[in-house]
Structures are given as structure tokens and as C-alpha cells.
PDB file of N, CA and C in Angstrom:
ATOM      1  N   MET A   1      -0.349  14.436 -15.891  1.00  0.00           N
ATOM      2  CA  MET A   1      -0.993  14.808 -14.639  1.00  0.00           C
ATOM      3  C   MET A   1      -0.155  14.303 -13.474  1.00  0.00           C
ATOM      4  N   PRO A   2       0.129  15.161 -12.458  1.00  0.00           N
ATOM      5  CA  PRO A   2       0.955  14.734 -11.335  1.00  0.00           C
ATOM      6  C   PRO A   2       0.235  13.695 -10.477  1.00  0.00           C
ATOM      7  N   LYS A   3       1.040  12.837  -9.879  1.00  0.00           N
ATOM      8  CA  LYS A   3       0.495  11.809  -8.994  1.00  0.00           C
ATOM      9  C   LYS A   3       0.047  12.462  -7.684  1.00  0.00           C
ATOM     10  N   LEU A   4      -1.159  12.122  -7.246  1.00  0.00           N
ATOM     11  CA  LEU A   4      -1.660  12.628  -5.972  1.00  0.00           C
ATOM     12  C   LEU A   4      -1.269  11.665  -4.865  1.00  0.00           C
ATOM     13  N   THR A   5      -0.865  12.198  -3.740  1.00  0.00           N
ATOM     14  CA  THR A   5      -0.399  11.378  -2.636  1.00  0.00           C
ATOM     15  C   THR A   5      -1.113  11.805  -1.370  1.00  0.00           C
ATOM     16  N   LYS A   6      -1.748  10.834  -0.699  1.00  0.00           N
ATOM     17  CA  LYS A   6      -2.618  11.124   0.431  1.00  0.00           C
ATOM     18  C   LYS A   6      -2.035  10.623   1.750  1.00  0.00           C
ATOM     19  N   ILE A   7      -2.261  11.403   2.806  1.00  0.00           N
ATOM     20  CA  ILE A   7      -1.807  11.068   4.156  1.00  0.00           C
ATOM     21  C   ILE A   7      -2.996  11.122   5.106  1.00  0.00           C
ATOM     22  N   PHE A   8      -3.099  10.094   5.953  1.00  0.00           N
ATOM     23  CA  PHE A   8      -4.079  10.076   7.036  1.00  0.00           C
ATOM     24  C   PHE A   8      -3.523  10.931   8.169  1.00  0.00           C
ATOM     25  N   VAL A   9      -4.352  11.797   8.738  1.00  0.00           N
ATOM     26  CA  VAL A   9      -3.944  12.648   9.860  1.00  0.00           C
ATOM     27  C   VAL A   9      -4.886  12.363  11.027  1.00  0.00           C
ATOM     28  N   GLY A  10      -4.356  11.775  12.086  1.00  0.00           N
ATOM     29  CA  GLY A  10      -5.159  11.444  13.251  1.00  0.00           C
ATOM     30  C   GLY A  10      -4.802  12.303  14.451  1.00  0.00           C
ATOM     31  N   ASN A  11      -5.594  12.186  15.492  1.00  0.00           N
ATOM     32  CA  ASN A  11      -5.440  12.932  16.743  1.00  0.00           C
ATOM     33  C   ASN A  11      -5.607  14.435  16.528  1.00  0.00           C
ATOM     34  N   LEU A  12      -6.510  14.790  15.627  1.00  0.00           N
ATOM     35  CA  LEU A  12      -6.780  16.209  15.376  1.00  0.00           C
ATOM     36  C   LEU A  12      -7.593  16.802  16.529  1.00  0.00           C
ATOM     37  N   PRO A  13      -7.250  18.003  16.965  1.00  0.00           N
ATOM     38  CA  PRO A  13      -8.105  18.683  17.944  1.00  0.00           C
ATOM     39  C   PRO A  13      -9.493  18.891  17.338  1.00  0.00           C
ATOM     40  N   TRP A  14     -10.522  18.826  18.160  1.00  0.00           N
ATOM     41  CA  TRP A  14     -11.897  18.942  17.650  1.00  0.00           C
ATOM     42  C   TRP A  14     -12.180  20.315  17.058  1.00  0.00           C
ATOM     43  N   THR A  15     -11.331  21.304  17.380  1.00  0.00           N
ATOM     44  CA  THR A  15     -11.527  22.665  16.880  1.00  0.00           C
ATOM     45  C   THR A  15     -10.918  22.906  15.507  1.00  0.00           C
ATOM     46  N   VAL A  16     -10.164  21.946  14.973  1.00  0.00           N
ATOM     47  CA  VAL A  16      -9.483  22.124  13.687  1.00  0.00           C
ATOM     48  C   VAL A  16     -10.440  21.827  12.531  1.00  0.00           C
ATOM     49  N   SER A  17     -10.512  22.772  11.597  1.00  0.00           N
ATOM     50  CA  SER A  17     -11.339  22.595  10.405  1.00  0.00           C
ATOM     51  C   SER A  17     -10.438  22.222   9.224  1.00  0.00           C
ATOM     52  N   SER A  18     -11.043  21.957   8.104  1.00  0.00           N
ATOM     53  CA  SER A  18     -10.284  21.648   6.892  1.00  0.00           C
ATOM     54  C   SER A  18      -9.389  22.823   6.498  1.00  0.00           C
ATOM     55  N   ARG A  19      -9.844  24.029   6.752  1.00  0.00           N
ATOM     56  CA  ARG A  19      -9.051  25.225   6.422  1.00  0.00           C
ATOM     57  C   ARG A  19      -7.740  25.257   7.212  1.00  0.00           C
ATOM     58  N   GLU A  20      -7.819  25.014   8.524  1.00  0.00           N
ATOM     59  CA  GLU A  20      -6.600  25.006   9.347  1.00  0.00           C
ATOM     60  C   GLU A  20      -5.679  23.852   8.967  1.00  0.00           C
ATOM     61  N   LEU A  21      -6.274  22.710   8.640  1.00  0.00           N
ATOM     62  CA  LEU A  21      -5.480  21.546   8.230  1.00  0.00           C
ATOM     63  C   LEU A  21      -4.705  21.870   6.954  1.00  0.00           C
ATOM     64  N   ARG A  22      -5.380  22.468   5.988  1.00  0.00           N
ATOM     65  CA  ARG A  22      -4.726  22.868   4.737  1.00  0.00           C
ATOM     66  C   ARG A  22      -3.610  23.877   5.003  1.00  0.00           C
ATOM     67  N   LYS A  23      -3.901  24.866   5.823  1.00  0.00           N
ATOM     68  CA  LYS A  23      -2.916  25.908   6.115  1.00  0.00           C
ATOM     69  C   LYS A  23      -1.644  25.313   6.715  1.00  0.00           C
ATOM     70  N   TYR A  24      -1.795  24.392   7.656  1.00  0.00           N
ATOM     71  CA  TYR A  24      -0.619  23.781   8.294  1.00  0.00           C
ATOM     72  C   TYR A  24       0.219  23.010   7.268  1.00  0.00           C
ATOM     73  N   PHE A  25      -0.415  22.170   6.467  1.00  0.00           N
ATOM     74  CA  PHE A  25       0.330  21.294   5.567  1.00  0.00           C
ATOM     75  C   PHE A  25       0.822  21.980   4.303  1.00  0.00           C
ATOM     76  N   THR A  26       0.318  23.165   3.989  1.00  0.00           N
ATOM     77  CA  THR A  26       0.798  23.908   2.821  1.00  0.00           C
ATOM     78  C   THR A  26       2.279  24.265   2.947  1.00  0.00           C
ATOM     79  N   SER A  27       2.783  24.366   4.165  1.00  0.00           N
ATOM     80  CA  SER A  27       4.203  24.694   4.340  1.00  0.00           C
ATOM     81  C   SER A  27       5.121  23.563   3.858  1.00  0.00           C
ATOM     82  N   PHE A  28       4.579  22.374   3.620  1.00  0.00           N
ATOM     83  CA  PHE A  28       5.373  21.233   3.167  1.00  0.00           C
ATOM     84  C   PHE A  28       5.295  21.030   1.655  1.00  0.00           C
ATOM     85  N   GLY A  29       4.279  21.586   1.027  1.00  0.00           N
ATOM     86  CA  GLY A  29       4.105  21.419  -0.412  1.00  0.00           C
ATOM     87  C   GLY A  29       2.697  21.810  -0.814  1.00  0.00           C
ATOM     88  N   HIS A  30       2.418  21.765  -2.112  1.00  0.00           N
ATOM     89  CA  HIS A  30       1.100  22.146  -2.605  1.00  0.00           C
ATOM     90  C   HIS A  30       0.063  21.100  -2.208  1.00  0.00           C
ATOM     91  N   VAL A  31      -0.961  21.544  -1.492  1.00  0.00           N
ATOM     92  CA  VAL A  31      -2.023  20.661  -1.016  1.00  0.00           C
ATOM     93  C   VAL A  31      -3.170  20.674  -2.025  1.00  0.00           C
ATOM     94  N   ALA A  32      -3.515  19.487  -2.523  1.00  0.00           N
ATOM     95  CA  ALA A  32      -4.647  19.358  -3.444  1.00  0.00           C
ATOM     96  C   ALA A  32      -5.956  19.383  -2.667  1.00  0.00           C
ATOM     97  N   THR A  33      -6.033  18.610  -1.577  1.00  0.00           N
ATOM     98  CA  THR A  33      -7.219  18.584  -0.724  1.00  0.00           C
ATOM     99  C   THR A  33      -6.802  18.396   0.722  1.00  0.00           C
ATOM    100  N   ALA A  34      -7.599  18.944   1.611  1.00  0.00           N
ATOM    101  CA  ALA A  34      -7.420  18.755   3.055  1.00  0.00           C
ATOM    102  C   ALA A  34      -8.819  18.653   3.645  1.00  0.00           C
ATOM    103  N   ASP A  35      -9.142  17.500   4.194  1.00  0.00           N
ATOM    104  CA  ASP A  35     -10.495  17.256   4.681  1.00  0.00           C
ATOM    105  C   ASP A  35     -10.485  16.697   6.094  1.00  0.00           C
ATOM    106  N   VAL A  36     -11.199  17.367   6.982  1.00  0.00           N
ATOM    107  CA  VAL A  36     -11.461  16.848   8.324  1.00  0.00           C
ATOM    108  C   VAL A  36     -12.810  16.146   8.239  1.00  0.00           C
ATOM    109  N   LEU A  37     -12.900  14.948   8.792  1.00  0.00           N
ATOM    110  CA  LEU A  37     -14.158  14.207   8.744  1.00  0.00           C
ATOM    111  C   LEU A  37     -15.016  14.525   9.957  1.00  0.00           C
ATOM    112  N   PHE A  38     -16.304  14.695   9.716  1.00  0.00           N
ATOM    113  CA  PHE A  38     -17.254  15.041  10.767  1.00  0.00           C
ATOM    114  C   PHE A  38     -18.336  13.985  10.868  1.00  0.00           C
ATOM    115  N   ASP A  39     -18.832  13.769  12.078  1.00  0.00           N
ATOM    116  CA  ASP A  39     -19.939  12.853  12.329  1.00  0.00           C
ATOM    117  C   ASP A  39     -21.214  13.522  11.808  1.00  0.00           C
ATOM    118  N   HIS A  40     -21.946  12.846  10.949  1.00  0.00           N
ATOM    119  CA  HIS A  40     -23.144  13.439  10.343  1.00  0.00           C
ATOM    120  C   HIS A  40     -24.271  13.638  11.356  1.00  0.00           C
ATOM    121  N   THR A  41     -24.298  12.816  12.391  1.00  0.00           N
ATOM    122  CA  THR A  41     -25.360  12.913  13.391  1.00  0.00           C
ATOM    123  C   THR A  41     -25.126  14.068  14.364  1.00  0.00           C
ATOM    124  N   THR A  42     -23.896  14.148  14.898  1.00  0.00           N
ATOM    125  CA  THR A  42     -23.609  15.163  15.918  1.00  0.00           C
ATOM    126  C   THR A  42     -23.026  16.448  15.335  1.00  0.00           C
ATOM    127  N   GLY A  43     -22.432  16.355  14.148  1.00  0.00           N
ATOM    128  CA  GLY A  43     -21.784  17.520  13.560  1.00  0.00           C
ATOM    129  C   GLY A  43     -20.399  17.786  14.122  1.00  0.00           C
ATOM    130  N   LEU A  44     -19.925  16.903  15.015  1.00  0.00           N
ATOM    131  CA  LEU A  44     -18.610  17.078  15.639  1.00  0.00           C
ATOM    132  C   LEU A  44     -17.521  16.373  14.827  1.00  0.00           C
ATOM    133  N   SER A  45     -16.309  16.882  14.960  1.00  0.00           N
ATOM    134  CA  SER A  45     -15.171  16.282  14.287  1.00  0.00           C
ATOM    135  C   SER A  45     -14.950  14.859  14.784  1.00  0.00           C
ATOM    136  N   LYS A  46     -14.563  13.986  13.866  1.00  0.00           N
ATOM    137  CA  LYS A  46     -14.221  12.612  14.239  1.00  0.00           C
ATOM    138  C   LYS A  46     -12.778  12.526  14.740  1.00  0.00           C
ATOM    139  N   GLY A  47     -12.039  13.640  14.655  1.00  0.00           N
ATOM    140  CA  GLY A  47     -10.662  13.673  15.155  1.00  0.00           C
ATOM    141  C   GLY A  47      -9.627  13.190  14.158  1.00  0.00           C
ATOM    142  N   TYR A  48     -10.041  13.039  12.901  1.00  0.00           N
ATOM    143  CA  TYR A  48      -9.070  12.659  11.880  1.00  0.00           C
ATOM    144  C   TYR A  48      -9.492  13.222  10.522  1.00  0.00           C
ATOM    145  N   GLY A  49      -8.548  13.141   9.601  1.00  0.00           N
ATOM    146  CA  GLY A  49      -8.819  13.633   8.261  1.00  0.00           C
ATOM    147  C   GLY A  49      -7.770  13.143   7.298  1.00  0.00           C
ATOM    148  N   PHE A  50      -7.781  13.706   6.096  1.00  0.00           N
ATOM    149  CA  PHE A  50      -6.843  13.315   5.051  1.00  0.00           C
ATOM    150  C   PHE A  50      -6.310  14.559   4.362  1.00  0.00           C
ATOM    151  N   VAL A  51      -5.034  14.520   4.020  1.00  0.00           N
ATOM    152  CA  VAL A  51      -4.401  15.592   3.250  1.00  0.00           C
ATOM    153  C   VAL A  51      -3.806  14.948   2.015  1.00  0.00           C
ATOM    154  N   GLN A  52      -4.074  15.550   0.870  1.00  0.00           N
ATOM    155  CA  GLN A  52      -3.567  15.018  -0.385  1.00  0.00           C
ATOM    156  C   GLN A  52      -2.698  16.074  -1.056  1.00  0.00           C
ATOM    157  N   PHE A  53      -1.477  15.679  -1.399  1.00  0.00           N
ATOM    158  CA  PHE A  53      -0.527  16.568  -2.061  1.00  0.00           C
ATOM    159  C   PHE A  53      -0.519  16.311  -3.562  1.00  0.00           C
ATOM    160  N   THR A  54      -0.171  17.339  -4.321  1.00  0.00           N
ATOM    161  CA  THR A  54      -0.095  17.189  -5.778  1.00  0.00           C
ATOM    162  C   THR A  54       1.276  16.678  -6.215  1.00  0.00           C
ATOM    163  N   THR A  55       2.257  16.716  -5.310  1.00  0.00           N
ATOM    164  CA  THR A  55       3.602  16.237  -5.650  1.00  0.00           C
ATOM    165  C   THR A  55       4.088  15.262  -4.587  1.00  0.00           C
ATOM    166  N   THR A  56       4.965  14.378  -5.000  1.00  0.00           N
ATOM    167  CA  THR A  56       5.542  13.454  -4.028  1.00  0.00           C
ATOM    168  C   THR A  56       6.506  14.193  -3.093  1.00  0.00           C
ATOM    169  N   GLY A  57       7.038  15.326  -3.522  1.00  0.00           N
ATOM    170  CA  GLY A  57       7.946  16.101  -2.681  1.00  0.00           C
ATOM    171  C   GLY A  57       7.282  16.573  -1.397  1.00  0.00           C
ATOM    172  N   GLY A  58       6.069  17.111  -1.500  1.00  0.00           N
ATOM    173  CA  GLY A  58       5.340  17.548  -0.314  1.00  0.00           C
ATOM    174  C   GLY A  58       5.012  16.385   0.593  1.00  0.00           C
ATOM    175  N   TYR A  59       4.581  15.296  -0.005  1.00  0.00           N
ATOM    176  CA  TYR A  59       4.245  14.068   0.719  1.00  0.00           C
ATOM    177  C   TYR A  59       5.455  13.556   1.505  1.00  0.00           C
ATOM    178  N   GLU A  60       6.584  13.446   0.830  1.00  0.00           N
ATOM    179  CA  GLU A  60       7.809  12.941   1.467  1.00  0.00           C
ATOM    180  C   GLU A  60       8.313  13.895   2.541  1.00  0.00           C
ATOM    181  N   SER A  61       8.206  15.182   2.302  1.00  0.00           N
ATOM    182  CA  SER A  61       8.636  16.182   3.273  1.00  0.00           C
ATOM    183  C   SER A  61       7.859  16.051   4.584  1.00  0.00           C
ATOM    184  N   VAL A  62       6.563  15.828   4.492  1.00  0.00           N
ATOM    185  CA  VAL A  62       5.731  15.662   5.681  1.00  0.00           C
ATOM    186  C   VAL A  62       6.143  14.416   6.452  1.00  0.00           C
ATOM    187  N   LEU A  63       6.333  13.323   5.739  1.00  0.00           N
ATOM    188  CA  LEU A  63       6.646  12.059   6.408  1.00  0.00           C
ATOM    189  C   LEU A  63       8.054  12.022   6.993  1.00  0.00           C
ATOM    190  N   LYS A  64       8.964  12.844   6.469  1.00  0.00           N
ATOM    191  CA  LYS A  64      10.324  12.910   7.019  1.00  0.00           C
ATOM    192  C   LYS A  64      10.360  13.648   8.353  1.00  0.00           C
ATOM    193  N   ASN A  65       9.403  14.542   8.560  1.00  0.00           N
ATOM    194  CA  ASN A  65       9.331  15.301   9.810  1.00  0.00           C
ATOM    195  C   ASN A  65       8.771  14.365  10.886  1.00  0.00           C
ATOM    196  N   PRO A  66       9.536  14.105  11.952  1.00  0.00           N
ATOM    197  CA  PRO A  66       9.085  13.129  12.943  1.00  0.00           C
ATOM    198  C   PRO A  66       7.948  13.608  13.846  1.00  0.00           C
ATOM    199  N   ARG A  67       7.723  14.917  13.914  1.00  0.00           N
ATOM    200  CA  ARG A  67       6.705  15.419  14.845  1.00  0.00           C
ATOM    201  C   ARG A  67       5.906  16.553  14.210  1.00  0.00           C
ATOM    202  N   HIS A  68       4.605  16.408  14.285  1.00  0.00           N
ATOM    203  CA  HIS A  68       3.700  17.438  13.798  1.00  0.00           C
ATOM    204  C   HIS A  68       2.741  17.784  14.923  1.00  0.00           C
ATOM    205  N   GLU A  69       2.557  19.081  15.144  1.00  0.00           N
ATOM    206  CA  GLU A  69       1.694  19.541  16.234  1.00  0.00           C
ATOM    207  C   GLU A  69       0.758  20.627  15.725  1.00  0.00           C
ATOM    208  N   LEU A  70      -0.501  20.520  16.144  1.00  0.00           N
ATOM    209  CA  LEU A  70      -1.503  21.499  15.743  1.00  0.00           C
ATOM    210  C   LEU A  70      -2.365  21.805  16.956  1.00  0.00           C
ATOM    211  N   GLU A  71      -2.437  23.074  17.326  1.00  0.00           N
ATOM    212  CA  GLU A  71      -3.194  23.535  18.490  1.00  0.00           C
ATOM    213  C   GLU A  71      -2.843  22.746  19.753  1.00  0.00           C
ATOM    214  N   GLY A  72      -1.542  22.464  19.918  1.00  0.00           N
ATOM    215  CA  GLY A  72      -1.056  21.821  21.133  1.00  0.00           C
ATOM    216  C   GLY A  72      -1.157  20.310  21.164  1.00  0.00           C
ATOM    217  N   GLN A  73      -1.693  19.694  20.120  1.00  0.00           N
ATOM    218  CA  GLN A  73      -1.802  18.240  20.066  1.00  0.00           C
ATOM    219  C   GLN A  73      -0.854  17.673  19.029  1.00  0.00           C
ATOM    220  N   THR A  74      -0.200  16.569  19.386  1.00  0.00           N
ATOM    221  CA  THR A  74       0.684  15.889  18.453  1.00  0.00           C
ATOM    222  C   THR A  74      -0.158  15.066  17.489  1.00  0.00           C
ATOM    223  N   LEU A  75       0.049  15.307  16.208  1.00  0.00           N
ATOM    224  CA  LEU A  75      -0.713  14.605  15.179  1.00  0.00           C
ATOM    225  C   LEU A  75      -0.115  13.235  14.889  1.00  0.00           C
ATOM    226  N   VAL A  76      -0.954  12.318  14.481  1.00  0.00           N
ATOM    227  CA  VAL A  76      -0.532  10.982  14.066  1.00  0.00           C
ATOM    228  C   VAL A  76      -0.691  10.917  12.553  1.00  0.00           C
ATOM    229  N   LEU A  77       0.419  10.668  11.853  1.00  0.00           N
ATOM    230  CA  LEU A  77       0.377  10.628  10.384  1.00  0.00           C
ATOM    231  C   LEU A  77       0.697   9.229   9.882  1.00  0.00           C
ATOM    232  N   GLN A  78      -0.014   8.822   8.846  1.00  0.00           N
ATOM    233  CA  GLN A  78       0.240   7.541   8.192  1.00  0.00           C
ATOM    234  C   GLN A  78      -0.040   7.703   6.713  1.00  0.00           C
ATOM    235  N   PRO A  79       0.802   7.069   5.875  1.00  0.00           N
ATOM    236  CA  PRO A  79       0.479   7.078   4.449  1.00  0.00           C
ATOM    237  C   PRO A  79      -0.893   6.422   4.262  1.00  0.00           C
ATOM    238  N   SER A  80      -1.665   6.948   3.350  1.00  0.00           N
ATOM    239  CA  SER A  80      -3.003   6.413   3.110  1.00  0.00           C
ATOM    240  C   SER A  80      -3.062   5.749   1.745  1.00  0.00           C
ATOM    241  N   ASP A  81      -3.642   4.566   1.705  1.00  0.00           N
ATOM    242  CA  ASP A  81      -3.823   3.912   0.415  1.00  0.00           C
ATOM    243  C   ASP A  81      -5.159   4.296  -0.191  1.00  0.00           C
ATOM    244  N   ARG A  82      -5.924   5.124   0.527  1.00  0.00           N
ATOM    245  CA  ARG A  82      -7.214   5.633   0.037  1.00  0.00           C
ATOM    246  C   ARG A  82      -6.954   6.771  -0.929  1.00  0.00           C
ATOM    247  N   GLN A  83      -6.933   6.515  -2.174  1.00  0.00           N
ATOM    248  CA  GLN A  83      -6.712   7.572  -3.170  1.00  0.00           C
ATOM    249  C   GLN A  83      -8.050   7.896  -3.729  1.00  0.00           C
TER     250      GLN A  83
END
């Protein structure tokens, strides 16, 4: 079974859903999961999420790119130890 590798994605525009997050990161490699977190009380995006790749190649490709932008906002990426 391939190792799953997760990345924290911060500074997400409030209009971005898990579908758009997955679509953006698929260009770097096969995405196992892409989740935007939402506040259960308000239903609004918390402005961050997680993307998990099925290969280390996709994970490394994302982290090598110094700038990621989605809907005009620069994303903040960090390796996540939350597996």
C-alpha cells in the first residue's frame, strides 16, 4: 500500500470547496483526499484544509513550488503530521 502524505493548506478563500481544492492539487499528483474544514455552527469555511496524496512524488512536487494561488489568494502550505 502506498504511503499517504498530507499537507496543511491555509489562507483558503471562503468560496473554495473541497472539490476546487482537489482540482487544483491534482495537477501535482494523485490526490487521495482534499478537505476544506467548515465551522459546524455557522457553516462557513474556516479558511484551511488538508490535501493528502497517494504518492510522495505529488507531495514533494507541491512543496517544491514556492507559490500557490487559488482564486486570487496566496495559499500557505505546510507538511502535516496529521495522518
